[in-house]
């Protein structure tokens, strides 16, 4: 299940803010921008798949222009029902609704989502069935030169449905990459208990190598309706050869959801709205119809789609040297230029004393040791350059292979 519905709605707020700021730019008085009209609607993000797992459903409300966060809908009763009489209840947990027991969607079964809010409103989805099961065949990286993006690694996902019934696809991915701190040293500089004293001690070797994981945050769609065969060869991710995340070893887990035409159309509309960045764009956001309606109060609106999708995933690894043999690594994500600290106090000419500054920055863990000259000059770099645990994790992921 993705979380792009509220992100898309919030993404259009800057457009509205910019438009209002243009209209008000001639006013000398500051004005607290607020919504003149506000129509509340329930926002639902619900996808169940053929995975045997505990499924999650997110329920929130539309936000006013001046709001800074998402207001979750709490205290609701949420169930998924099927035409065989089975009811799958969901319980509220950490801001989402989680199925009380693991279950999986099965072919030729009709599913319906029902939400009863704490104020008595009842929302119901249309009847949905599981889409064609069509697993990913492969995930393949290749070095390409793109006319817009430049040179880099293009990651493609491939599959084939001989029945020609899948047609509509949505993708997400989780990418994990190895980080090696470029200015890690076996010794580190620390502040000693004695006043105005620093010294070297053995550094923790576990601060040199880390692993970071990030998830996709956009709506990624493709369709094979314009092809003679239901065959996918889709570029799901492009990474510049100057991006440090591929400097050592990189892994991507691609997740595929086969969608219905209605679900695909809904998400394509969401994607078009989110990409409409111009204030004067003809694609101005309006109310987006999904497949969820309030059956108890017909004047109440809902935004969202209850999706029943076949799911598959595939993980792939590559090393930088595999694709760019003999080439220099991409630049690190932050500047690692060394900075000099003369370790003295008071006045000093022509080089000023920086002992207090050095001690303050060591105590706040914002710098890392590189080298020193006779204990009088210390050369330091930003802490991220010498200690990757300052922004990442040194825990090796369970799926990681070398």
Protein backbone atom coordinates (compact mmCIF):
# COMPACT_ATOMS: atom_id res chain seq x y z
CA UNK A 1 0.00 0.00 0.00
CA UNK A 2 1.31 3.44 -0.93
CA UNK A 3 0.84 6.80 0.82
CA UNK A 4 0.62 9.19 -2.12
CA UNK A 5 -2.97 10.44 -1.83
CA UNK A 6 -2.41 12.90 1.01
CA UNK A 7 1.06 13.74 -0.35
CA UNK A 8 -0.52 14.72 -3.66
CA UNK A 9 -3.17 16.84 -1.98
CA UNK A 10 -0.57 18.63 0.12
CA UNK A 11 1.74 19.06 -2.89
CA UNK A 12 -0.81 21.41 -4.48
CA UNK A 13 -0.92 23.72 -1.43
CA UNK A 14 2.21 25.66 -2.52
CA UNK A 15 0.49 26.41 -5.84
CA UNK A 16 -2.47 27.93 -4.02
CA UNK A 17 -0.19 29.80 -1.64
CA UNK A 18 1.80 31.28 -4.52
CA UNK A 19 -1.37 32.43 -6.26
CA UNK A 20 -2.64 34.16 -3.13
CA UNK A 21 0.76 35.73 -2.48
CA UNK A 22 0.73 37.27 -5.97
CA UNK A 23 -2.74 38.73 -5.38
CA UNK A 24 -1.70 40.12 -2.00
CA UNK A 25 1.80 41.31 -2.92
CA UNK A 26 0.72 44.97 -3.09
CA UNK A 27 -0.62 44.96 0.46
CA UNK A 28 1.59 46.42 3.14
CA UNK A 29 -0.12 44.53 5.93
CA UNK A 30 0.75 40.91 6.73
CA UNK A 31 -2.16 38.54 6.30
CA UNK A 32 -2.56 35.09 7.84
CA UNK A 33 -3.67 33.01 4.87
CA UNK A 34 -6.62 30.75 5.71
CA UNK A 35 -9.21 28.72 3.86
CA UNK A 36 -12.27 30.80 2.95
CA UNK A 37 -14.22 27.63 2.29
CA UNK A 38 -13.45 24.16 3.52
CA UNK A 39 -15.21 20.98 2.49
CA UNK A 40 -14.28 18.05 4.66
CA UNK A 41 -13.82 14.68 2.97
CA UNK A 42 -12.59 11.33 4.12
CA UNK A 43 -9.27 10.26 2.56
CA UNK A 44 -8.79 6.50 2.27
CA UNK A 45 -5.68 4.58 1.20
CA UNK A 46 -6.52 0.88 1.03
CA UNK A 47 -4.83 -1.89 -0.93
CA UNK A 48 -5.16 -5.59 -0.19
CA UNK A 49 -3.17 -8.13 -2.17
CA UNK A 50 -2.65 -11.84 -2.67
CA UNK A 51 0.14 -11.74 -0.05
CA UNK A 52 -0.62 -13.63 3.15
CA UNK A 53 0.05 -10.85 5.62
CA UNK A 54 -1.54 -8.28 7.92
CA UNK A 55 -2.86 -5.55 5.64
CA UNK A 56 -3.03 -1.84 6.48
CA UNK A 57 -5.58 0.85 5.68
CA UNK A 58 -4.94 4.56 6.22
CA UNK A 59 -7.85 6.87 6.89
CA UNK A 60 -7.55 10.64 7.30
CA UNK A 61 -9.36 13.86 6.46
CA UNK A 62 -8.72 16.56 3.90
CA UNK A 63 -6.67 19.46 5.23
CA UNK A 64 -7.36 23.17 5.31
CA UNK A 65 -4.90 25.40 3.47
CA UNK A 66 -3.45 26.63 6.75
CA UNK A 67 -3.03 23.14 8.24
CA UNK A 68 0.50 21.79 8.61
CA UNK A 69 -0.20 18.08 9.01
CA UNK A 70 -2.57 15.23 8.31
CA UNK A 71 -5.52 14.66 10.63
CA UNK A 72 -6.02 10.92 11.04
CA UNK A 73 -9.56 9.57 11.36
CA UNK A 74 -9.62 7.81 14.72
CA UNK A 75 -12.18 5.59 16.38
CA UNK A 76 -13.56 4.13 13.17
CA UNK A 77 -14.80 0.57 12.68
CA UNK A 78 -13.14 -0.87 9.59
CA UNK A 79 -13.85 -4.23 7.94
CA UNK A 80 -13.28 -5.93 4.60
CA UNK A 81 -16.01 -8.36 3.55
CA UNK A 82 -16.14 -10.95 0.80
CA UNK A 83 -19.03 -12.59 -1.04
CA UNK A 84 -18.38 -15.87 0.77
CA UNK A 85 -19.47 -14.36 4.08
CA UNK A 86 -15.99 -13.84 5.55
CA UNK A 87 -15.38 -10.64 7.47
CA UNK A 88 -11.84 -9.33 8.02
CA UNK A 89 -11.84 -6.80 10.90
CA UNK A 90 -9.17 -4.12 11.25
CA UNK A 91 -8.00 -2.55 14.50
CA UNK A 92 -6.54 0.91 15.03
CA UNK A 93 -2.79 0.86 15.67
CA UNK A 94 -0.24 3.69 15.53
CA UNK A 95 -2.37 5.91 13.30
CA UNK A 96 -3.38 3.21 10.80
CA UNK A 97 -5.88 0.36 10.73
CA UNK A 98 -4.30 -3.10 10.69
CA UNK A 99 -6.08 -6.39 10.00
CA UNK A 100 -6.50 -8.39 13.18
CA UNK A 101 -5.30 -11.53 11.39
CA UNK A 102 -3.19 -12.16 8.30
CA UNK A 103 -5.18 -12.92 5.15
CA UNK A 104 -4.78 -12.83 1.39
CA UNK A 105 -7.04 -11.95 -1.50
CA UNK A 106 -7.93 -14.93 -3.68
CA UNK A 107 -9.11 -15.14 -7.31
CA UNK A 108 -12.82 -15.10 -8.17
CA UNK A 109 -13.76 -13.59 -4.81
CA UNK A 110 -15.52 -10.24 -4.41
CA UNK A 111 -14.25 -7.88 -1.73
CA UNK A 112 -15.80 -4.73 -0.24
CA UNK A 113 -14.41 -2.21 2.23
CA UNK A 114 -16.71 -0.76 4.88
CA UNK A 115 -15.83 2.12 7.20
CA UNK A 116 -18.06 3.35 10.02
CA UNK A 117 -16.72 6.57 11.56
CA UNK A 118 -17.14 7.43 15.23
CA UNK A 119 -19.75 10.05 14.33
CA UNK A 120 -21.92 7.41 12.64
CA UNK A 121 -21.14 7.97 8.96
CA UNK A 122 -20.88 4.78 6.89
CA UNK A 123 -18.63 4.57 3.83
CA UNK A 124 -18.55 1.65 1.43
CA UNK A 125 -16.42 0.79 -1.58
CA UNK A 126 -17.51 -0.76 -4.83
CA UNK A 127 -17.08 -4.51 -5.22
CA UNK A 128 -13.54 -5.42 -6.25
CA UNK A 129 -11.88 -8.66 -7.36
CA UNK A 130 -8.25 -9.73 -7.48
CA UNK A 131 -6.44 -8.76 -10.67
CA UNK A 132 -4.46 -11.22 -12.80
CA UNK A 133 -1.50 -12.80 -11.01
CA UNK A 134 1.51 -11.87 -13.11
CA UNK A 135 4.83 -11.98 -11.23
CA UNK A 136 7.89 -9.90 -12.09
CA UNK A 137 10.29 -11.77 -14.35
CA UNK A 138 13.42 -9.72 -13.74
CA UNK A 139 14.89 -6.44 -12.54
CA UNK A 140 17.86 -5.38 -14.67
CA UNK A 141 20.35 -2.47 -14.34
CA UNK A 142 22.10 -0.93 -17.33
CA UNK A 143 24.33 2.08 -17.92
CA UNK A 144 22.57 4.57 -20.19
CA UNK A 145 22.89 8.21 -21.23
CA UNK A 146 19.56 9.98 -20.96
CA UNK A 147 18.92 13.21 -22.88
CA UNK A 148 17.50 14.90 -19.77
CA UNK A 149 19.07 13.06 -16.84
CA UNK A 150 22.54 12.49 -18.28
CA UNK A 151 24.59 9.34 -17.72
CA UNK A 152 23.61 6.86 -15.05
CA UNK A 153 22.04 3.53 -14.17
CA UNK A 154 18.60 2.77 -15.49
CA UNK A 155 16.78 -0.02 -13.64
CA UNK A 156 14.11 -1.80 -15.66
CA UNK A 157 11.44 -4.26 -14.58
CA UNK A 158 10.25 -6.92 -17.01
CA UNK A 159 7.34 -9.34 -17.10
CA UNK A 160 4.94 -11.01 -19.51
CA UNK A 161 1.30 -12.01 -19.27
CA UNK A 162 0.42 -14.50 -22.04
CA UNK A 163 -3.29 -14.10 -21.22
CA UNK A 164 -3.04 -10.38 -22.07
CA UNK A 165 -5.26 -9.44 -19.12
CA UNK A 166 -2.93 -7.60 -16.71
CA UNK A 167 -2.33 -4.42 -18.73
CA UNK A 168 -2.20 -1.90 -15.85
CA UNK A 169 0.72 -1.74 -13.42
CA UNK A 170 1.81 0.30 -10.44
CA UNK A 171 5.32 0.14 -8.96
CA UNK A 172 7.00 1.04 -5.71
CA UNK A 173 10.54 0.37 -4.60
CA UNK A 174 12.77 0.26 -1.54
CA UNK A 175 16.42 0.97 -2.24
CA UNK A 176 19.23 0.12 0.15
CA UNK A 177 22.83 1.18 -0.30
CA UNK A 178 26.15 0.71 1.40
CA UNK A 179 27.93 3.80 2.73
CA UNK A 180 31.64 3.95 3.57
CA UNK A 181 32.71 7.07 5.45
CA UNK A 182 35.48 8.50 3.22
CA UNK A 183 37.47 10.13 6.04
CA UNK A 184 37.15 7.41 8.70
CA UNK A 185 40.28 7.19 10.86
CA UNK A 186 41.38 4.52 13.33
CA UNK A 187 41.79 7.24 15.95
CA UNK A 188 39.31 9.88 17.02
CA UNK A 189 39.76 13.15 18.83
CA UNK A 190 37.92 13.51 22.14
CA UNK A 191 37.60 16.11 24.86
CA UNK A 192 39.45 15.00 28.00
CA UNK A 193 38.13 15.46 31.56
CA UNK A 194 40.87 17.97 32.27
CA UNK A 195 39.88 21.55 31.35
CA UNK A 196 40.78 22.66 27.82
CA UNK A 197 42.35 19.35 26.88
CA UNK A 198 41.83 17.05 23.91
CA UNK A 199 43.43 13.75 23.01
CA UNK A 200 43.33 10.82 20.64
CA UNK A 201 41.85 7.44 21.44
CA UNK A 202 40.94 4.34 19.36
CA UNK A 203 37.96 4.91 17.11
CA UNK A 204 34.98 2.54 16.86
CA UNK A 205 35.40 0.51 13.63
CA UNK A 206 31.60 0.15 13.47
CA UNK A 207 31.27 3.81 12.48
CA UNK A 208 32.93 3.31 9.09
CA UNK A 209 30.33 1.26 7.15
CA UNK A 210 26.59 1.88 7.18
CA UNK A 211 23.43 1.00 5.25
CA UNK A 212 20.57 3.32 4.40
CA UNK A 213 17.15 2.45 3.03
CA UNK A 214 14.74 4.81 1.28
CA UNK A 215 11.36 4.16 -0.30
CA UNK A 216 9.87 5.63 -3.44
CA UNK A 217 7.54 8.55 -2.83
CA UNK A 218 5.90 9.04 -6.21
CA UNK A 219 3.15 7.37 -8.21
CA UNK A 220 4.85 5.08 -10.75
CA UNK A 221 2.49 3.70 -13.40
CA UNK A 222 2.67 2.00 -16.76
CA UNK A 223 0.27 0.32 -19.14
CA UNK A 224 0.60 -2.14 -22.03
CA UNK A 225 -2.71 -1.25 -23.70
CA UNK A 226 -0.91 0.23 -26.72
CA UNK A 227 1.16 -2.92 -27.26
CA UNK A 228 0.24 -6.09 -29.11
CA UNK A 229 1.45 -8.20 -26.16
CA UNK A 230 1.08 -7.69 -22.43
CA UNK A 231 4.85 -7.44 -22.06
CA UNK A 232 6.47 -4.99 -19.65
CA UNK A 233 9.97 -3.54 -20.06
CA UNK A 234 9.65 -0.47 -17.87
CA UNK A 235 12.29 1.93 -16.45
CA UNK A 236 11.27 2.08 -12.81
CA UNK A 237 14.31 4.00 -11.51
CA UNK A 238 17.14 6.15 -12.92
CA UNK A 239 20.21 6.96 -10.80
CA UNK A 240 22.82 9.46 -11.96
CA UNK A 241 26.40 8.22 -12.11
CA UNK A 242 27.17 11.18 -9.81
CA UNK A 243 24.83 9.96 -7.08
CA UNK A 244 26.77 8.66 -4.09
CA UNK A 245 24.17 5.98 -3.26
CA UNK A 246 25.67 3.69 -5.94
CA UNK A 247 29.29 4.30 -4.86
CA UNK A 248 29.78 0.83 -3.38
CA UNK A 249 26.95 -1.71 -3.31
CA UNK A 250 23.32 -0.98 -4.12
CA UNK A 251 20.13 -3.02 -3.84
CA UNK A 252 16.58 -2.32 -4.95
CA UNK A 253 13.41 -4.20 -4.08
CA UNK A 254 10.84 -3.53 -6.80
CA UNK A 255 7.19 -4.07 -5.87
CA UNK A 256 4.58 -4.57 -8.58
CA UNK A 257 0.80 -4.18 -8.24
CA UNK A 258 -1.39 -5.30 -11.14
CA UNK A 259 -4.30 -2.86 -11.20
CA UNK A 260 -7.81 -2.66 -12.54
CA UNK A 261 -8.57 -0.01 -15.16
CA UNK A 262 -10.50 2.02 -12.57
CA UNK A 263 -7.67 1.96 -10.03
CA UNK A 264 -5.10 2.83 -12.70
CA UNK A 265 -7.23 5.75 -13.91
CA UNK A 266 -7.66 7.08 -10.37
CA UNK A 267 -3.94 7.03 -9.67
CA UNK A 268 -3.06 8.46 -13.06
CA UNK A 269 -5.33 11.40 -12.26
CA UNK A 270 -3.58 11.83 -8.91
CA UNK A 271 -0.22 11.77 -10.68
CA UNK A 272 -1.31 14.39 -13.22
CA UNK A 273 -2.48 16.70 -10.45
CA UNK A 274 0.75 16.30 -8.51
CA UNK A 275 2.84 17.09 -11.61
CA UNK A 276 0.83 20.19 -12.47
CA UNK A 277 3.30 22.72 -11.05
CA UNK A 278 2.20 25.89 -12.82
CA UNK A 279 -0.20 28.35 -11.17
CA UNK A 280 -1.79 28.97 -14.58
CA UNK A 281 -1.88 25.32 -15.56
CA UNK A 282 -5.16 24.19 -17.15
CA UNK A 283 -4.97 21.07 -14.97
CA UNK A 284 -6.35 22.62 -11.81
CA UNK A 285 -7.24 20.12 -9.06
CA UNK A 286 -10.89 19.38 -8.45
CA UNK A 287 -12.68 16.62 -6.63
CA UNK A 288 -11.26 13.22 -7.55
CA UNK A 289 -13.76 10.41 -7.78
CA UNK A 290 -12.65 7.05 -6.43
CA UNK A 291 -14.66 3.96 -5.62
CA UNK A 292 -15.63 4.83 -2.02
CA UNK A 293 -18.90 6.59 -1.15
CA UNK A 294 -20.75 7.59 2.00
CA UNK A 295 -23.94 5.52 1.93
CA UNK A 296 -25.44 6.99 5.11
CA UNK A 297 -24.98 10.69 4.29
CA UNK A 298 -24.99 11.28 0.54
CA UNK A 299 -23.66 14.82 0.94
CA UNK A 300 -20.42 13.55 2.48
CA UNK A 301 -17.47 12.98 0.15
CA UNK A 302 -14.59 10.51 0.15
CA UNK A 303 -11.30 10.57 -1.74
CA UNK A 304 -9.49 7.31 -2.28
CA UNK A 305 -9.63 3.88 -3.81
CA UNK A 306 -10.07 0.41 -2.37
CA UNK A 307 -7.75 -1.68 -4.49
CA UNK A 308 -7.46 -5.47 -4.68
CA UNK A 309 -4.22 -6.15 -6.52
CA UNK A 310 -2.05 -9.11 -7.31
CA UNK A 311 1.41 -8.41 -5.94
CA UNK A 312 4.92 -9.55 -6.67
CA UNK A 313 8.39 -8.29 -5.84
CA UNK A 314 11.97 -8.92 -6.82
CA UNK A 315 15.29 -7.76 -5.37
CA UNK A 316 18.46 -6.99 -7.29
CA UNK A 317 22.03 -6.02 -6.27
CA UNK A 318 24.94 -4.46 -8.10
CA UNK A 319 28.36 -3.04 -7.25
CA UNK A 320 29.61 0.24 -8.70
CA UNK A 321 32.66 -1.55 -10.10
CA UNK A 322 30.39 -3.99 -11.97
CA UNK A 323 28.86 -1.21 -14.07
CA UNK A 324 31.65 1.39 -14.04
CA UNK A 325 34.90 -0.62 -13.98
CA UNK A 326 37.99 1.48 -13.36
CA UNK A 327 36.05 4.73 -12.89
CA UNK A 328 36.27 7.13 -9.97
CA UNK A 329 33.55 6.89 -7.39
CA UNK A 330 30.78 9.51 -7.39
CA UNK A 331 31.36 12.43 -5.03
CA UNK A 332 30.23 11.95 -1.43
CA UNK A 333 26.88 13.50 -0.60
CA UNK A 334 28.43 16.28 1.49
CA UNK A 335 31.58 18.39 1.26
CA UNK A 336 34.46 16.79 3.20
CA UNK A 337 36.91 19.67 2.93
CA UNK A 338 39.14 19.77 6.00
CA UNK A 339 39.09 22.71 8.39
CA UNK A 340 42.08 23.83 10.45
CA UNK A 341 41.90 24.44 14.19
CA UNK A 342 44.86 26.00 15.97
CA UNK A 343 44.69 24.51 19.46
CA UNK A 344 45.33 27.47 21.69
CA UNK A 345 43.30 29.95 23.70
CA UNK A 346 43.27 33.70 23.82
CA UNK A 347 44.89 35.84 21.17
CA UNK A 348 47.35 34.56 18.60
CA UNK A 349 48.79 36.11 15.47
CA UNK A 350 48.85 35.67 12.56
CA UNK A 351 46.66 32.51 12.98
CA UNK A 352 43.90 32.99 15.59
CA UNK A 353 43.34 30.47 18.37
CA UNK A 354 40.43 28.09 17.89
CA UNK A 355 40.71 25.82 20.93
CA UNK A 356 37.30 26.70 22.33
CA UNK A 357 35.64 26.24 18.93
CA UNK A 358 37.26 22.81 18.54
CA UNK A 359 36.09 21.68 21.99
CA UNK A 360 32.54 22.97 21.41
CA UNK A 361 32.24 21.15 18.08
CA UNK A 362 33.66 17.91 19.48
CA UNK A 363 31.15 18.06 22.34
CA UNK A 364 28.29 18.64 19.89
CA UNK A 365 29.56 15.81 17.62
CA UNK A 366 29.58 17.90 14.46
CA UNK A 367 33.17 17.23 13.33
CA UNK A 368 35.46 14.21 12.86
CA UNK A 369 39.23 13.91 13.17
CA UNK A 370 41.41 13.71 10.07
CA UNK A 371 45.00 14.40 11.25
CA UNK A 372 47.04 16.80 13.36
CA UNK A 373 50.47 18.48 13.37
CA UNK A 374 52.30 18.16 16.68
CA UNK A 375 49.14 18.66 18.69
CA UNK A 376 49.10 22.32 17.78
CA UNK A 377 46.99 22.16 14.62
CA UNK A 378 44.05 19.79 14.20
CA UNK A 379 42.43 19.15 10.84
CA UNK A 380 38.78 18.14 11.03
CA UNK A 381 35.94 17.36 8.62
CA UNK A 382 32.15 17.30 9.03
CA UNK A 383 31.13 14.37 11.23
CA UNK A 384 29.24 12.69 8.35
CA UNK A 385 32.58 12.28 6.53
CA UNK A 386 34.21 10.28 9.32
CA UNK A 387 31.26 8.65 11.11
CA UNK A 388 28.43 7.34 8.94
CA UNK A 389 26.34 6.45 12.00
CA UNK A 390 25.77 10.19 12.43
CA UNK A 391 23.12 9.96 9.68
CA UNK A 392 22.68 6.25 8.88
CA UNK A 393 22.67 2.80 10.52
CA UNK A 394 25.54 0.35 10.86
CA UNK A 395 23.17 -2.60 11.14
CA UNK A 396 23.55 -4.96 8.19
CA UNK A 397 20.08 -5.61 6.66
CA UNK A 398 18.88 -9.20 6.99
CA UNK A 399 18.58 -9.55 3.19
CA UNK A 400 22.03 -8.15 2.43
CA UNK A 401 24.48 -10.24 0.42
CA UNK A 402 28.01 -9.36 -0.65
